[in-house]
Protein backbone atom coordinates (compact mmCIF):
# COMPACT_ATOMS: atom_id res chain seq x y z
CA MET A 1 -28.72 -20.45 23.13
CA LYS A 2 -25.91 -18.00 22.29
CA LYS A 3 -23.28 -20.67 22.98
CA ALA A 4 -25.07 -23.14 20.70
CA PHE A 5 -25.31 -20.52 17.95
CA LYS A 6 -21.62 -19.63 18.20
CA LYS A 7 -20.72 -23.31 18.17
CA ILE A 8 -22.57 -23.76 14.88
CA VAL A 9 -20.94 -20.63 13.46
CA ARG A 10 -17.51 -21.88 14.59
CA VAL A 11 -18.00 -25.19 12.77
CA ILE A 12 -19.12 -23.38 9.60
CA HIS A 13 -16.16 -20.99 9.85
CA LEU A 14 -13.73 -23.86 10.36
CA TRP A 15 -14.77 -26.01 7.42
CA LEU A 16 -15.25 -23.12 5.02
CA GLY A 17 -11.78 -21.93 5.98
CA LEU A 18 -10.16 -25.33 5.53
CA GLY A 19 -11.90 -25.82 2.19
CA SER A 20 -10.99 -22.44 0.69
CA GLY A 21 -7.85 -21.48 2.60
CA LEU A 22 -5.30 -22.18 -0.13
CA VAL A 23 -7.23 -20.28 -2.81
CA VAL A 24 -7.92 -17.38 -0.43
CA PHE A 25 -4.20 -17.20 0.37
CA ILE A 26 -3.22 -17.17 -3.32
CA VAL A 27 -5.85 -14.60 -4.35
CA SER A 28 -5.01 -12.36 -1.37
CA ILE A 29 -1.24 -12.40 -1.78
CA THR A 30 -1.46 -11.74 -5.54
CA GLY A 31 -3.96 -8.95 -4.95
CA CYS A 32 -1.61 -7.51 -2.36
CA LEU A 33 1.23 -7.45 -4.91
CA TYR A 34 -0.90 -6.05 -7.74
CA VAL A 35 -2.15 -3.03 -5.78
CA PHE A 36 1.01 -1.10 -6.74
CA GLU A 37 1.16 -2.43 -10.31
CA GLU A 38 1.27 1.08 -11.86
CA GLU A 39 4.05 2.26 -9.54
CA ILE A 40 6.10 -0.93 -10.02
CA ARG A 41 5.86 -0.73 -13.80
CA SER A 42 6.79 2.96 -13.82
CA ALA A 43 9.86 2.21 -11.72
CA THR A 44 11.02 -0.96 -13.50
CA GLN A 45 9.85 -0.37 -17.09
CA TYR A 46 10.27 3.39 -17.48
CA GLU A 47 12.25 3.02 -20.72
CA ASN A 48 9.29 1.15 -22.27
CA LEU A 49 6.59 3.50 -21.01
CA TYR A 50 8.18 6.88 -21.74
CA VAL A 51 10.58 8.61 -24.13
CA ALA A 52 12.45 11.89 -23.76
CA PRO A 53 9.99 14.82 -24.13
CA GLN A 54 10.17 16.63 -27.46
CA SER A 55 8.57 19.78 -28.84
CA LYS A 56 6.68 17.76 -31.44
CA PRO A 57 3.00 16.80 -31.75
CA PHE A 58 1.72 13.24 -31.63
CA ILE A 59 2.54 11.63 -34.98
CA GLY A 60 -0.89 10.04 -35.21
CA LEU A 61 -2.19 6.54 -34.61
CA GLU A 62 -2.36 5.57 -38.29
CA LYS A 63 1.40 5.91 -38.88
CA ILE A 64 2.12 3.88 -35.75
CA LEU A 65 -0.31 1.16 -36.87
CA ILE A 66 1.21 1.06 -40.35
CA ASN A 67 4.63 0.63 -38.76
CA PHE A 68 3.22 -2.10 -36.50
CA GLU A 69 1.83 -3.99 -39.52
CA HIS A 70 5.29 -3.96 -41.13
CA ILE A 71 7.07 -5.07 -37.98
CA ALA A 72 4.54 -7.62 -36.71
CA ALA A 73 2.86 -9.00 -39.80
CA GLY A 74 0.23 -11.56 -38.88
CA GLU A 75 -0.08 -10.50 -35.22
CA MET A 76 -3.66 -9.92 -34.07
CA ILE A 77 -4.17 -6.70 -32.10
CA ARG A 78 -5.97 -7.12 -28.77
CA LEU A 79 -5.50 -3.67 -27.26
CA ILE A 80 -4.11 -0.24 -28.15
CA ARG A 81 -3.35 2.24 -25.38
CA THR A 82 -2.52 5.94 -25.75
CA HIS A 83 -1.82 8.50 -23.01
CA GLU A 84 -2.71 11.97 -24.19
CA GLY A 85 -2.28 13.35 -20.65
CA ARG A 86 1.47 12.75 -20.90
CA THR A 87 2.83 13.59 -24.34
CA ASN A 88 6.02 11.54 -23.97
CA ALA A 89 4.17 8.32 -23.03
CA THR A 90 4.62 5.52 -25.55
CA VAL A 91 1.74 4.02 -27.53
CA GLN A 92 1.26 0.41 -26.43
CA ILE A 93 -0.10 -2.28 -28.74
CA SER A 94 -0.88 -5.61 -27.06
CA VAL A 95 -1.23 -8.79 -29.11
CA GLU A 96 -1.86 -12.47 -28.35
CA LYS A 97 -0.02 -14.14 -25.47
CA ASP A 98 0.27 -10.76 -23.72
CA LYS A 99 3.13 -9.50 -25.86
CA VAL A 100 3.34 -5.68 -26.01
CA TYR A 101 4.90 -3.40 -28.65
CA TYR A 102 5.92 0.09 -27.48
CA PHE A 103 6.06 2.90 -30.05
CA ASN A 104 7.53 6.38 -29.90
CA PRO A 105 4.62 8.89 -29.99
CA TYR A 106 6.70 11.50 -31.87
CA ASP A 107 8.06 9.49 -34.82
CA GLY A 108 6.18 6.16 -34.64
CA SER A 109 9.33 4.06 -34.29
CA LEU A 110 9.38 0.85 -32.27
CA ILE A 111 10.92 1.35 -28.81
CA ASN A 112 10.73 -2.23 -27.58
CA LYS A 113 8.78 -5.48 -27.72
CA SER A 114 8.22 -7.29 -24.44
CA ALA A 115 6.92 -10.68 -23.39
CA PRO A 116 4.57 -11.06 -20.39
CA ASP A 117 6.36 -10.04 -17.18
CA TRP A 118 5.93 -11.27 -13.63
CA LEU A 119 3.15 -8.74 -12.95
CA ASP A 120 1.13 -10.19 -15.84
CA THR A 121 1.56 -13.61 -14.23
CA VAL A 122 0.50 -12.23 -10.84
CA GLU A 123 -2.66 -10.79 -12.42
CA GLU A 124 -3.46 -14.07 -14.18
CA ILE A 125 -2.97 -16.04 -10.96
CA HIS A 126 -5.24 -13.58 -9.15
CA ILE A 127 -7.99 -13.97 -11.74
CA SER A 128 -7.77 -17.62 -12.78
CA LEU A 129 -5.07 -19.36 -10.67
CA LEU A 130 -3.46 -20.17 -14.06
CA LEU A 131 -6.18 -22.81 -14.56
CA GLY A 132 -8.24 -21.13 -17.30
CA GLU A 133 -12.02 -21.06 -17.02
CA TRP A 134 -12.04 -23.71 -14.30
CA GLY A 135 -9.65 -21.56 -12.28
CA LYS A 136 -11.90 -18.51 -12.71
CA PHE A 137 -14.85 -20.55 -11.45
CA LEU A 138 -12.88 -21.74 -8.42
CA GLN A 139 -11.55 -18.27 -7.68
CA ARG A 140 -14.97 -16.61 -7.86
CA TRP A 141 -16.67 -19.05 -5.52
CA SER A 142 -13.74 -18.98 -3.13
CA VAL A 143 -14.24 -15.22 -2.83
CA VAL A 144 -17.93 -15.86 -2.04
CA VAL A 145 -16.82 -18.28 0.67
CA PHE A 146 -14.32 -15.68 1.90
CA VAL A 147 -17.14 -13.16 2.42
CA LEU A 148 -18.97 -15.78 4.50
CA LEU A 149 -15.75 -16.40 6.45
CA LEU A 150 -15.45 -12.69 7.22
CA ILE A 151 -19.05 -12.53 8.43
CA THR A 152 -18.78 -15.66 10.58
CA GLY A 153 -15.40 -14.45 11.83
CA LEU A 154 -16.96 -11.19 13.03
CA ILE A 155 -19.65 -13.15 14.86
CA LEU A 156 -17.01 -15.29 16.58
CA TRP A 157 -14.87 -12.23 17.39
CA PHE A 158 -17.68 -10.37 19.16
CA PRO A 159 -16.86 -10.53 22.90
CA ARG A 160 -19.29 -11.98 25.42
CA ASN A 161 -19.34 -8.71 27.38
CA LEU A 162 -17.91 -5.19 27.19
CA ARG A 163 -15.23 -5.99 29.80
CA MET A 164 -13.59 -8.30 27.23
CA LEU A 165 -13.67 -5.70 24.44
CA LYS A 166 -10.14 -4.40 25.10
CA GLN A 167 -8.79 -7.95 25.02
CA ALA A 168 -10.58 -8.57 21.70
CA LEU A 169 -9.01 -5.43 20.21
CA THR A 170 -5.38 -5.96 21.22
CA ILE A 171 -2.62 -8.46 20.53
CA LYS A 172 -0.89 -9.71 23.68
CA LYS A 173 2.82 -9.28 23.02
CA ARG A 174 3.95 -11.04 26.21
CA ALA A 175 2.13 -14.28 25.67
CA SER A 176 2.72 -17.77 24.34
CA VAL A 177 3.26 -18.37 20.64
CA LYS A 178 -0.12 -20.09 20.56
CA ARG A 179 -1.84 -17.05 22.07
CA ILE A 180 -0.05 -14.58 19.77
CA ASN A 181 -1.09 -16.66 16.75
CA PHE A 182 -4.70 -16.66 17.96
CA ASP A 183 -4.64 -12.88 18.44
CA LEU A 184 -3.10 -12.34 15.01
CA HIS A 185 -5.99 -14.29 13.48
CA ASN A 186 -8.71 -12.84 15.68
CA VAL A 187 -7.66 -9.21 16.14
CA LEU A 188 -6.10 -8.49 12.75
CA GLY A 189 -9.04 -10.24 11.09
CA PHE A 190 -11.42 -7.88 12.89
CA TYR A 191 -9.51 -4.71 11.97
CA ALA A 192 -9.23 -5.71 8.30
CA SER A 193 -12.70 -7.25 7.90
CA SER A 194 -14.63 -4.13 6.84
CA ILE A 195 -12.03 -3.24 4.19
CA LEU A 196 -11.82 -6.85 3.01
CA ILE A 197 -15.60 -7.14 2.66
CA ILE A 198 -15.57 -4.07 0.39
CA ILE A 199 -12.64 -5.45 -1.64
CA ALA A 200 -14.27 -8.88 -1.93
CA LEU A 201 -17.70 -7.54 -2.91
CA SER A 202 -16.18 -5.21 -5.51
CA GLY A 203 -14.35 -8.24 -6.90
CA LEU A 204 -17.60 -10.20 -7.06
CA PHE A 205 -19.12 -7.27 -8.98
CA PHE A 206 -16.69 -8.12 -11.80
CA ALA A 207 -17.30 -11.85 -11.53
CA PHE A 208 -21.07 -12.33 -11.28
CA LYS A 209 -23.86 -10.83 -13.32
CA GLY A 210 -26.15 -11.53 -10.37
CA VAL A 211 -24.17 -9.10 -8.21
CA LYS A 212 -24.62 -6.37 -10.82
CA THR A 213 -28.34 -7.19 -10.94
CA ALA A 214 -28.60 -6.98 -7.15
CA VAL A 215 -26.82 -3.62 -7.12
CA ALA A 216 -29.14 -2.34 -9.85
CA PHE A 217 -32.16 -3.46 -7.80
CA VAL A 218 -30.87 -1.73 -4.65
CA VAL A 219 -30.08 1.60 -6.36
CA GLY A 220 -33.13 1.44 -8.66
CA ALA A 221 -31.28 1.81 -11.97
CA GLN A 222 -30.24 -0.78 -14.55
CA LEU A 223 -26.62 -0.98 -15.66
CA ASN A 224 -26.52 -0.42 -19.41
CA ASP A 225 -23.96 -1.36 -22.03
CA GLY A 226 -24.48 1.73 -24.14
CA GLU A 227 -27.34 3.29 -26.06
CA LYS A 228 -28.03 1.78 -29.47
CA LEU A 229 -27.86 4.35 -32.23
CA ILE A 230 -30.78 4.85 -34.57
CA THR A 231 -28.79 6.82 -37.13
CA ALA A 232 -26.21 4.59 -38.76
CA SER A 233 -22.66 5.92 -38.85
CA PRO A 234 -20.67 5.75 -42.09
CA VAL A 235 -18.81 2.54 -42.82
CA LEU A 236 -15.04 3.05 -42.73
CA ALA A 237 -13.40 1.36 -45.69
CA GLY A 238 -9.73 0.63 -46.02
CA SER A 239 -7.09 -1.23 -44.06
CA MET A 240 -7.16 -2.04 -40.38
CA SER A 241 -4.69 0.75 -39.61
CA SER A 242 -6.75 3.42 -41.39
CA ARG A 243 -10.01 2.11 -39.89
CA TYR A 244 -8.74 2.07 -36.30
CA ALA A 245 -7.03 5.43 -36.76
CA SER A 246 -10.22 6.99 -38.16
CA ILE A 247 -12.26 5.68 -35.24
CA TYR A 248 -9.73 7.12 -32.78
CA ARG A 249 -9.35 10.46 -34.58
CA ASN A 250 -13.10 11.05 -35.03
CA ALA A 251 -13.82 10.30 -31.37
CA MET A 252 -11.05 12.60 -30.15
CA ILE A 253 -12.37 15.43 -32.32
CA GLU A 254 -16.00 14.99 -31.25
CA TYR A 255 -15.22 14.33 -27.57
CA PRO A 256 -11.98 16.24 -26.82
CA GLY A 257 -10.12 16.38 -23.54
CA ALA A 258 -9.38 12.67 -22.95
CA THR A 259 -6.16 11.98 -21.07
CA ALA A 260 -6.00 8.28 -21.99
CA THR A 261 -7.64 5.93 -24.47
CA SER A 262 -7.90 2.21 -25.04
CA LEU A 263 -9.07 0.51 -28.22
CA SER A 264 -9.71 -3.21 -27.75
CA VAL A 265 -11.24 -6.16 -29.59
CA ARG A 266 -13.84 -7.90 -27.39
CA LYS A 267 -14.59 -11.62 -27.29
CA ASN A 268 -17.82 -11.07 -29.26
CA GLY A 269 -15.84 -9.44 -32.08
CA GLU A 270 -16.87 -5.88 -31.31
CA LEU A 271 -14.34 -3.08 -31.20
CA ARG A 272 -14.52 -1.02 -28.00
CA LEU A 273 -13.04 2.46 -27.65
CA ARG A 274 -12.74 4.04 -24.22
CA LEU A 275 -11.89 7.69 -23.67
CA ILE A 276 -10.92 8.52 -20.09
CA TYR A 277 -11.12 12.11 -18.83
CA PRO A 278 -9.80 13.69 -15.61
CA TYR A 279 -11.82 12.48 -12.63
CA LYS A 280 -11.81 12.40 -8.84
CA TRP A 281 -14.17 9.56 -7.92
CA ALA A 282 -16.07 7.65 -10.59
CA ARG A 283 -14.22 7.40 -13.87
CA ASN A 284 -15.29 9.98 -16.41
CA GLN A 285 -15.27 7.53 -19.27
CA ASN A 286 -16.94 7.59 -22.67
CA THR A 287 -17.26 4.17 -24.29
CA PHE A 288 -18.05 3.44 -27.94
CA TYR A 289 -18.75 0.08 -29.57
CA PHE A 290 -18.05 -0.58 -33.25
CA ASN A 291 -18.44 -3.36 -35.75
CA GLU A 292 -14.80 -4.37 -36.11
CA PRO A 293 -14.70 -5.28 -39.86
CA THR A 294 -16.49 -2.11 -40.99
CA GLY A 295 -15.86 0.42 -38.23
CA LYS A 296 -19.60 1.12 -38.01
CA LEU A 297 -20.58 2.70 -34.68
CA LEU A 298 -23.13 0.46 -32.94
CA ARG A 299 -23.77 2.13 -29.58
CA ALA A 300 -22.26 4.58 -27.14
CA LYS A 301 -22.16 5.15 -23.40
CA LEU A 302 -21.30 8.69 -22.25
CA TYR A 303 -20.32 9.46 -18.65
CA ARG A 304 -22.52 12.54 -18.54
CA GLU A 305 -25.50 10.19 -18.93
CA PHE A 306 -24.45 7.73 -16.19
CA ASN A 307 -27.16 6.53 -13.84
CA ARG A 308 -26.45 5.26 -10.31
CA SER A 309 -25.55 1.75 -11.47
CA ASP A 310 -23.22 3.13 -14.14
CA PHE A 311 -21.60 5.35 -11.51
CA ILE A 312 -20.95 2.33 -9.26
CA ALA A 313 -19.57 0.31 -12.17
CA ALA A 314 -17.25 3.18 -13.14
CA THR A 315 -16.00 3.43 -9.54
CA ASN A 316 -15.66 -0.29 -8.89
CA TYR A 317 -12.13 -0.99 -10.18
CA ASP A 318 -10.62 1.95 -8.30
CA LEU A 319 -12.53 0.88 -5.18
CA HIS A 320 -11.30 -2.71 -5.54
CA THR A 321 -7.65 -1.68 -5.79
CA GLY A 322 -7.76 1.21 -3.30
CA LYS A 323 -6.92 3.70 -6.06
CA LEU A 324 -10.15 5.54 -5.33
CA PHE A 325 -8.49 7.17 -2.29
CA GLY A 326 -5.07 7.74 -3.83
CA LEU A 327 -1.85 6.49 -2.29
CA PHE A 328 -3.46 6.22 1.15
CA GLY A 329 -6.18 3.96 -0.26
CA LYS A 330 -3.61 1.76 -1.97
CA ILE A 331 -1.63 1.35 1.25
CA ILE A 332 -4.81 0.37 3.13
CA ALA A 333 -5.76 -2.11 0.37
CA PHE A 334 -2.22 -3.55 0.45
CA MET A 335 -2.26 -4.01 4.22
CA ALA A 336 -5.77 -5.48 4.26
CA SER A 337 -4.89 -7.93 1.46
CA PHE A 338 -1.72 -8.95 3.28
CA ILE A 339 -3.72 -9.62 6.45
CA ALA A 340 -6.21 -11.63 4.37
CA ALA A 341 -3.32 -13.80 3.16
CA THR A 342 -2.25 -14.47 6.76
CA LEU A 343 -5.72 -15.50 7.97
CA PRO A 344 -5.74 -18.99 6.35
CA VAL A 345 -2.25 -19.60 7.78
CA THR A 346 -3.00 -18.52 11.35
CA GLY A 347 -6.39 -20.24 11.18
CA LEU A 348 -4.80 -23.51 10.07
CA ILE A 349 -2.30 -23.31 12.94
CA ILE A 350 -5.13 -22.78 15.45
CA TRP A 351 -6.95 -25.86 14.08
CA LEU A 352 -3.81 -28.02 14.08
CA LYS A 353 -3.03 -27.04 17.69
CA LYS A 354 -6.55 -27.96 18.78
CA LYS A 355 -6.46 -31.20 16.81
CA LYS A 356 -3.11 -32.15 18.36
CA ARG A 357 -4.49 -31.46 21.83
CA THR A 358 -7.47 -33.77 21.28
CA ILE A 359 -5.35 -36.69 20.05
């Protein structure tokens, strides 16, 4: 009975692996590279991200936005990032096609304008395989298949008896190439599987509303997108620069202490402002949603009011990338993702060897 069950599982594992192997390899290797995105950018783009420290206050977002409008007339703003936790960090304004303008925080002058770099391409491949919405669909369901592969792989790994446990946990160095390849697939897959399941499920949390719903059901709290406000906020008249600057300034006055902010235009046309505060685990993040043309505040989500689902959502990105546990967590995520990229390769070799033997 056990042999028949494992035989069925082996067939499922084989065909799921052959069907999704290429996508799993691409998603894993790009995820592996993107784990250290912050460190890579700081090392290779320091002159864009920082200026020499000065004993001057932040010039203010409005002056930077006015300067941006003069320099980049007609460009549509997608995202504005500020870093209050580091006074010499540049203000970044992202526009269409992933172009970024970097401004000096002390005098508002333009430091540089950059096109998308290789890390932006890596991220896009990881999310959509460079195939747009169809690529996102393929990527998401391939991750679902990958979770099934990890589960079936664990079932196949489990030794028949305890005497074989040591063999199942070690790679035979003095063995044939075929045996070493099998051990690399079997043993490394086992060691990385628990981490990879967490990484994969946290990725699916981004991708599927149903996963968020399931998490909400398990923890007994619904994820919310902010509390609607009964009292209408004043409409902010004037230009885009004055409107965005007023939104930023008012929020920073009412909710001080943020170390970083992002102001972005969402697909539904809303303007979203995020204020991020020092945190250890779940992000301490206040989020505000505005009507973009008028600057009217529509709803707000404050971290002090997070329920269990909100807490999980705020933790999810850092969990997915390993950042939740600092440098150690990133190294573990990097290694696990690298092993994930090798599994389709070693698995394919195992299948080809067996196929060749049966011919």
